[in-house]
Amino acid sequence: MNRAMRLVPVAILALILVSAITATATTVQKFTLQELARKSSTIAMARVDDAYSAWDQSHKEIYTFYTLQVLDHVKGMKGETTITLRQLGGVVGNIESIVPGMPSFRKGEEVVVFLTQKDAAGYPWVMGLQQGKYTVVTDASGKKSVRNELSDELTRVGPGGAEKVPSVSGDLPLRAFLDGIKTDLNEAGKVQVDPTTNE
């Protein structure tokens, strides 16, 4: 291997480090939960069944594709059992593309997602990046709650200007969370929510 060939990996590593330093934040519009619910085309509780990353046809962008199995329809997509998301970023071979503020999904995890209409390629996007993904967590007694995990890479902008947000929201009982959204949207009539329930 000649000296020029040995310098190529070093140059690439330097470029990656500079990119990582300069691209450390994403700014998006701030949404309340009610705004997320009303602006979303689809809201569903789902389980992440599959995930894979691939280059686009022009070999310029890496996308990650997630297959979600729908467990509960809250808004839109009635009758559909799966949702496929396509997000910018991912890992292909030894190349990693990172988009700050993009929500991450793990195989097997349960989530509540707020989604846009499908784009020109036929895929919905998560509303407000990380704002539109709630992770379902189960405590030791089996009770399920949701939490919204926002990274420091995401800055939300509202009427009062830019706002850094706490990295993790307080846990909310899953059933009350879903019923509250349905009630707010008046989906299938008003739903009575017992604020003392922990389901």
C-alpha atoms as a PDB file:
ATOM      1  CA  MET A   1       0.000   0.000   0.000  1.00  0.00           C
ATOM      2  CA  ASN A   2       1.504   3.338  -0.990  1.00  0.00           C
ATOM      3  CA  ARG A   3       1.507   6.443   1.210  1.00  0.00           C
ATOM      4  CA  ALA A   4      -1.391   8.095  -0.675  1.00  0.00           C
ATOM      5  CA  MET A   5      -3.616   5.072  -0.085  1.00  0.00           C
ATOM      6  CA  ARG A   6      -2.764   5.070   3.646  1.00  0.00           C
ATOM      7  CA  LEU A   7      -3.746   8.749   3.922  1.00  0.00           C
ATOM      8  CA  VAL A   8      -7.235   8.249   2.454  1.00  0.00           C
ATOM      9  CA  PRO A   9      -8.766   6.619   5.607  1.00  0.00           C
ATOM     10  CA  VAL A  10      -7.186   9.365   7.766  1.00  0.00           C
ATOM     11  CA  ALA A  11      -8.671  12.089   5.550  1.00  0.00           C
ATOM     12  CA  ILE A  12     -12.077  10.416   5.643  1.00  0.00           C
ATOM     13  CA  LEU A  13     -11.942  10.113   9.446  1.00  0.00           C
ATOM     14  CA  ALA A  14     -11.020  13.792   9.764  1.00  0.00           C
ATOM     15  CA  LEU A  15     -13.941  14.762   7.530  1.00  0.00           C
ATOM     16  CA  ILE A  16     -16.332  12.646   9.606  1.00  0.00           C
ATOM     17  CA  LEU A  17     -15.127  14.258  12.839  1.00  0.00           C
ATOM     18  CA  VAL A  18     -15.508  17.782  11.426  1.00  0.00           C
ATOM     19  CA  SER A  19     -19.018  16.912  10.194  1.00  0.00           C
ATOM     20  CA  ALA A  20     -19.927  15.491  13.590  1.00  0.00           C
ATOM     21  CA  ILE A  21     -18.771  18.678  15.311  1.00  0.00           C
ATOM     22  CA  THR A  22     -20.559  21.077  12.949  1.00  0.00           C
ATOM     23  CA  ALA A  23     -23.790  19.093  12.513  1.00  0.00           C
ATOM     24  CA  THR A  24     -24.764  18.689  16.151  1.00  0.00           C
ATOM     25  CA  ALA A  25     -28.281  20.083  16.255  1.00  0.00           C
ATOM     26  CA  THR A  26     -31.550  20.211  14.396  1.00  0.00           C
ATOM     27  CA  THR A  27     -34.195  22.912  14.881  1.00  0.00           C
ATOM     28  CA  VAL A  28     -37.867  22.074  14.360  1.00  0.00           C
ATOM     29  CA  GLN A  29     -41.239  23.662  15.060  1.00  0.00           C
ATOM     30  CA  LYS A  30     -42.453  23.037  18.590  1.00  0.00           C
ATOM     31  CA  PHE A  31     -45.677  20.995  18.850  1.00  0.00           C
ATOM     32  CA  THR A  32     -47.912  20.434  21.840  1.00  0.00           C
ATOM     33  CA  LEU A  33     -49.410  16.954  22.123  1.00  0.00           C
ATOM     34  CA  GLN A  34     -52.746  18.331  20.902  1.00  0.00           C
ATOM     35  CA  GLU A  35     -51.079  19.959  17.876  1.00  0.00           C
ATOM     36  CA  LEU A  36     -49.249  16.728  17.053  1.00  0.00           C
ATOM     37  CA  ALA A  37     -52.526  14.814  17.197  1.00  0.00           C
ATOM     38  CA  ARG A  38     -54.436  17.264  15.013  1.00  0.00           C
ATOM     39  CA  LYS A  39     -51.706  17.767  12.400  1.00  0.00           C
ATOM     40  CA  SER A  40     -50.847  14.071  12.049  1.00  0.00           C
ATOM     41  CA  SER A  41     -52.385  12.060   9.249  1.00  0.00           C
ATOM     42  CA  THR A  42     -51.894   8.825  11.198  1.00  0.00           C
ATOM     43  CA  ILE A  43     -51.482   7.997  14.884  1.00  0.00           C
ATOM     44  CA  ALA A  44     -50.902   4.393  15.901  1.00  0.00           C
ATOM     45  CA  MET A  45     -49.535   2.216  18.658  1.00  0.00           C
ATOM     46  CA  ALA A  46     -47.237  -0.288  17.006  1.00  0.00           C
ATOM     47  CA  ARG A  47     -44.399  -2.765  17.486  1.00  0.00           C
ATOM     48  CA  VAL A  48     -41.162  -2.453  15.509  1.00  0.00           C
ATOM     49  CA  ASP A  49     -40.822  -5.759  13.652  1.00  0.00           C
ATOM     50  CA  ASP A  50     -37.996  -5.056  11.212  1.00  0.00           C
ATOM     51  CA  ALA A  51     -35.306  -2.485  10.402  1.00  0.00           C
ATOM     52  CA  TYR A  52     -32.670  -2.247   7.691  1.00  0.00           C
ATOM     53  CA  SER A  53     -30.584   0.474   6.045  1.00  0.00           C
ATOM     54  CA  ALA A  54     -29.670   0.922   2.377  1.00  0.00           C
ATOM     55  CA  TRP A  55     -28.289   3.471  -0.074  1.00  0.00           C
ATOM     56  CA  ASP A  56     -30.715   5.252  -2.353  1.00  0.00           C
ATOM     57  CA  GLN A  57     -30.534   4.597  -6.102  1.00  0.00           C
ATOM     58  CA  SER A  58     -28.095   7.457  -6.692  1.00  0.00           C
ATOM     59  CA  HIS A  59     -25.842   6.233  -3.834  1.00  0.00           C
ATOM     60  CA  LYS A  60     -25.963   9.698  -2.219  1.00  0.00           C
ATOM     61  CA  GLU A  61     -28.132   9.122   0.861  1.00  0.00           C
ATOM     62  CA  ILE A  62     -28.548   6.288   3.344  1.00  0.00           C
ATOM     63  CA  TYR A  63     -32.108   5.538   4.428  1.00  0.00           C
ATOM     64  CA  THR A  64     -33.336   3.251   7.189  1.00  0.00           C
ATOM     65  CA  PHE A  65     -36.600   1.389   6.659  1.00  0.00           C
ATOM     66  CA  TYR A  66     -38.728   0.311   9.628  1.00  0.00           C
ATOM     67  CA  THR A  67     -41.671  -2.093   9.503  1.00  0.00           C
ATOM     68  CA  LEU A  68     -44.174  -1.455  12.290  1.00  0.00           C
ATOM     69  CA  GLN A  69     -46.942  -3.900  13.207  1.00  0.00           C
ATOM     70  CA  VAL A  70     -50.033  -1.887  14.169  1.00  0.00           C
ATOM     71  CA  LEU A  71     -51.420  -2.823  17.594  1.00  0.00           C
ATOM     72  CA  ASP A  72     -53.987  -0.036  17.984  1.00  0.00           C
ATOM     73  CA  HIS A  73     -55.343   2.474  15.453  1.00  0.00           C
ATOM     74  CA  VAL A  74     -55.849   5.913  16.968  1.00  0.00           C
ATOM     75  CA  LYS A  75     -56.208   8.035  13.836  1.00  0.00           C
ATOM     76  CA  GLY A  76     -56.079   7.237  10.117  1.00  0.00           C
ATOM     77  CA  MET A  77     -54.990   4.099   8.231  1.00  0.00           C
ATOM     78  CA  LYS A  78     -58.005   2.124   9.438  1.00  0.00           C
ATOM     79  CA  GLY A  79     -57.732  -1.546   8.546  1.00  0.00           C
ATOM     80  CA  GLU A  80     -54.008  -1.457   7.732  1.00  0.00           C
ATOM     81  CA  THR A  81     -51.909  -3.836   9.796  1.00  0.00           C
ATOM     82  CA  THR A  82     -48.406  -2.550   9.012  1.00  0.00           C
ATOM     83  CA  ILE A  83     -46.675   0.789   8.506  1.00  0.00           C
ATOM     84  CA  THR A  84     -43.354   1.203   6.706  1.00  0.00           C
ATOM     85  CA  LEU A  85     -41.272   4.235   7.621  1.00  0.00           C
ATOM     86  CA  ARG A  86     -38.284   5.523   5.660  1.00  0.00           C
ATOM     87  CA  GLN A  87     -35.915   7.830   7.521  1.00  0.00           C
ATOM     88  CA  LEU A  88     -32.718   9.594   6.520  1.00  0.00           C
ATOM     89  CA  GLY A  89     -29.643   8.095   8.140  1.00  0.00           C
ATOM     90  CA  GLY A  90     -28.424   4.646   9.058  1.00  0.00           C
ATOM     91  CA  VAL A  91     -25.480   2.287   8.757  1.00  0.00           C
ATOM     92  CA  VAL A  92     -24.449   0.462   5.588  1.00  0.00           C
ATOM     93  CA  GLY A  93     -21.209  -1.514   5.856  1.00  0.00           C
ATOM     94  CA  ASN A  94     -18.692   0.753   7.584  1.00  0.00           C
ATOM     95  CA  ILE A  95     -20.468   3.979   6.607  1.00  0.00           C
ATOM     96  CA  GLU A  96     -22.792   5.662   9.139  1.00  0.00           C
ATOM     97  CA  SER A  97     -25.059   8.591   8.323  1.00  0.00           C
ATOM     98  CA  ILE A  98     -26.438  10.464  11.344  1.00  0.00           C
ATOM     99  CA  VAL A  99     -29.263  13.015  11.213  1.00  0.00           C
ATOM    100  CA  PRO A 100     -29.461  14.877  14.554  1.00  0.00           C
ATOM    101  CA  GLY A 101     -32.950  14.862  16.062  1.00  0.00           C
ATOM    102  CA  MET A 102     -34.241  11.953  13.955  1.00  0.00           C
ATOM    103  CA  PRO A 103     -36.147   9.431  16.105  1.00  0.00           C
ATOM    104  CA  SER A 104     -34.556   6.023  16.562  1.00  0.00           C
ATOM    105  CA  PHE A 105     -36.389   2.702  16.669  1.00  0.00           C
ATOM    106  CA  ARG A 106     -35.295  -0.703  17.982  1.00  0.00           C
ATOM    107  CA  LYS A 107     -36.614  -4.067  16.857  1.00  0.00           C
ATOM    108  CA  GLY A 108     -39.181  -5.358  19.320  1.00  0.00           C
ATOM    109  CA  GLU A 109     -39.974  -2.049  20.999  1.00  0.00           C
ATOM    110  CA  GLU A 110     -43.549  -0.780  21.224  1.00  0.00           C
ATOM    111  CA  VAL A 111     -44.176   2.828  20.255  1.00  0.00           C
ATOM    112  CA  VAL A 112     -46.893   5.389  19.680  1.00  0.00           C
ATOM    113  CA  VAL A 113     -46.130   7.302  16.495  1.00  0.00           C
ATOM    114  CA  PHE A 114     -47.559  10.506  15.043  1.00  0.00           C
ATOM    115  CA  LEU A 115     -47.089  10.453  11.271  1.00  0.00           C
ATOM    116  CA  THR A 116     -47.405  12.808   8.311  1.00  0.00           C
ATOM    117  CA  GLN A 117     -49.121  11.972   5.043  1.00  0.00           C
ATOM    118  CA  LYS A 118     -47.089   9.764   2.721  1.00  0.00           C
ATOM    119  CA  ASP A 119     -44.386  11.560   0.748  1.00  0.00           C
ATOM    120  CA  ALA A 120     -43.842  11.303  -3.009  1.00  0.00           C
ATOM    121  CA  ALA A 121     -42.018   8.001  -2.507  1.00  0.00           C
ATOM    122  CA  GLY A 122     -44.975   6.555  -0.575  1.00  0.00           C
ATOM    123  CA  TYR A 123     -43.648   6.742   2.998  1.00  0.00           C
ATOM    124  CA  PRO A 124     -44.949   8.723   5.995  1.00  0.00           C
ATOM    125  CA  TRP A 125     -42.545  10.645   8.247  1.00  0.00           C
ATOM    126  CA  VAL A 126     -42.613  11.083  12.018  1.00  0.00           C
ATOM    127  CA  MET A 127     -44.135  14.483  12.871  1.00  0.00           C
ATOM    128  CA  GLY A 128     -41.697  16.912  14.483  1.00  0.00           C
ATOM    129  CA  LEU A 129     -38.873  14.359  14.388  1.00  0.00           C
ATOM    130  CA  GLN A 130     -38.382  13.004  17.942  1.00  0.00           C
ATOM    131  CA  GLN A 131     -41.461  14.882  19.165  1.00  0.00           C
ATOM    132  CA  GLY A 132     -43.684  12.445  17.265  1.00  0.00           C
ATOM    133  CA  LYS A 133     -42.361   9.184  18.740  1.00  0.00           C
ATOM    134  CA  TYR A 134     -43.374   7.932  22.196  1.00  0.00           C
ATOM    135  CA  THR A 135     -41.800   4.784  23.596  1.00  0.00           C
ATOM    136  CA  VAL A 136     -44.016   2.323  25.475  1.00  0.00           C
ATOM    137  CA  VAL A 137     -42.390   1.167  28.730  1.00  0.00           C
ATOM    138  CA  THR A 138     -43.592  -1.582  31.080  1.00  0.00           C
ATOM    139  CA  ASP A 139     -42.915  -1.449  34.817  1.00  0.00           C
ATOM    140  CA  ALA A 140     -42.260  -4.384  37.141  1.00  0.00           C
ATOM    141  CA  SER A 141     -45.990  -4.866  37.763  1.00  0.00           C
ATOM    142  CA  GLY A 142     -46.779  -5.035  34.039  1.00  0.00           C
ATOM    143  CA  LYS A 143     -48.369  -1.593  33.764  1.00  0.00           C
ATOM    144  CA  LYS A 144     -47.604   0.219  30.513  1.00  0.00           C
ATOM    145  CA  SER A 145     -46.716   3.893  30.176  1.00  0.00           C
ATOM    146  CA  VAL A 146     -45.375   6.129  27.403  1.00  0.00           C
ATOM    147  CA  ARG A 147     -42.459   8.532  27.402  1.00  0.00           C
ATOM    148  CA  ASN A 148     -41.117  10.941  24.827  1.00  0.00           C
ATOM    149  CA  GLU A 149     -37.318  10.825  24.612  1.00  0.00           C
ATOM    150  CA  LEU A 150     -35.816  13.994  23.139  1.00  0.00           C
ATOM    151  CA  SER A 151     -32.070  14.273  22.613  1.00  0.00           C
ATOM    152  CA  ASP A 152     -29.973  17.380  23.181  1.00  0.00           C
ATOM    153  CA  GLU A 153     -29.574  17.507  19.391  1.00  0.00           C
ATOM    154  CA  LEU A 154     -33.143  18.791  18.997  1.00  0.00           C
ATOM    155  CA  THR A 155     -34.135  22.412  19.554  1.00  0.00           C
ATOM    156  CA  ARG A 156     -37.813  23.297  19.268  1.00  0.00           C
ATOM    157  CA  VAL A 157     -38.919  26.744  18.127  1.00  0.00           C
ATOM    158  CA  GLY A 158     -42.234  28.143  19.335  1.00  0.00           C
ATOM    159  CA  PRO A 159     -43.770  31.606  19.613  1.00  0.00           C
ATOM    160  CA  GLY A 160     -41.319  32.465  22.396  1.00  0.00           C
ATOM    161  CA  GLY A 161     -38.267  31.495  20.351  1.00  0.00           C
ATOM    162  CA  ALA A 162     -35.862  28.556  20.554  1.00  0.00           C
ATOM    163  CA  GLU A 163     -36.264  26.185  23.467  1.00  0.00           C
ATOM    164  CA  LYS A 164     -34.137  23.329  24.698  1.00  0.00           C
ATOM    165  CA  VAL A 165     -36.270  20.530  26.071  1.00  0.00           C
ATOM    166  CA  PRO A 166     -35.733  17.918  28.786  1.00  0.00           C
ATOM    167  CA  SER A 167     -34.261  14.710  27.413  1.00  0.00           C
ATOM    168  CA  VAL A 168     -37.082  12.499  28.721  1.00  0.00           C
ATOM    169  CA  SER A 169     -40.702  13.429  29.447  1.00  0.00           C
ATOM    170  CA  GLY A 170     -42.502  12.152  32.505  1.00  0.00           C
ATOM    171  CA  ASP A 171     -44.167   8.764  32.028  1.00  0.00           C
ATOM    172  CA  LEU A 172     -47.883   8.847  31.208  1.00  0.00           C
ATOM    173  CA  PRO A 173     -50.226   5.856  31.612  1.00  0.00           C
ATOM    174  CA  LEU A 174     -50.591   4.296  28.146  1.00  0.00           C
ATOM    175  CA  ARG A 175     -54.355   3.768  28.091  1.00  0.00           C
ATOM    176  CA  ALA A 176     -55.130   7.244  29.453  1.00  0.00           C
ATOM    177  CA  PHE A 177     -52.657   8.713  26.913  1.00  0.00           C
ATOM    178  CA  LEU A 178     -54.360   6.988  23.958  1.00  0.00           C
ATOM    179  CA  ASP A 179     -57.892   7.654  25.222  1.00  0.00           C
ATOM    180  CA  GLY A 180     -57.031  11.304  25.810  1.00  0.00           C
ATOM    181  CA  ILE A 181     -55.884  11.680  22.196  1.00  0.00           C
ATOM    182  CA  LYS A 182     -59.037   9.958  20.906  1.00  0.00           C
ATOM    183  CA  THR A 183     -61.181  12.191  23.080  1.00  0.00           C
ATOM    184  CA  ASP A 184     -59.406  15.321  21.895  1.00  0.00           C
ATOM    185  CA  LEU A 185     -59.857  14.241  18.272  1.00  0.00           C
ATOM    186  CA  ASN A 186     -63.430  13.062  18.940  1.00  0.00           C
ATOM    187  CA  GLU A 187     -62.575   9.791  17.208  1.00  0.00           C
ATOM    188  CA  ALA A 188     -65.476   7.339  17.541  1.00  0.00           C
ATOM    189  CA  GLY A 189     -67.223   9.537  20.115  1.00  0.00           C
ATOM    190  CA  LYS A 190     -66.069  10.879  23.413  1.00  0.00           C
ATOM    191  CA  VAL A 191     -64.097   8.509  25.629  1.00  0.00           C
ATOM    192  CA  GLN A 192     -64.377   8.710  29.393  1.00  0.00           C
ATOM    193  CA  VAL A 193     -60.880   8.780  30.912  1.00  0.00           C
ATOM    194  CA  ASP A 194     -60.317   7.916  34.555  1.00  0.00           C
ATOM    195  CA  PRO A 195     -57.321  10.058  35.606  1.00  0.00           C
ATOM    196  CA  THR A 196     -56.566   7.645  38.476  1.00  0.00           C
ATOM    197  CA  THR A 197     -56.001   4.636  36.204  1.00  0.00           C
ATOM    198  CA  ASN A 198     -52.458   3.421  35.694  1.00  0.00           C
ATOM    199  CA  GLU A 199     -53.115   1.166  32.710  1.00  0.00           C
END
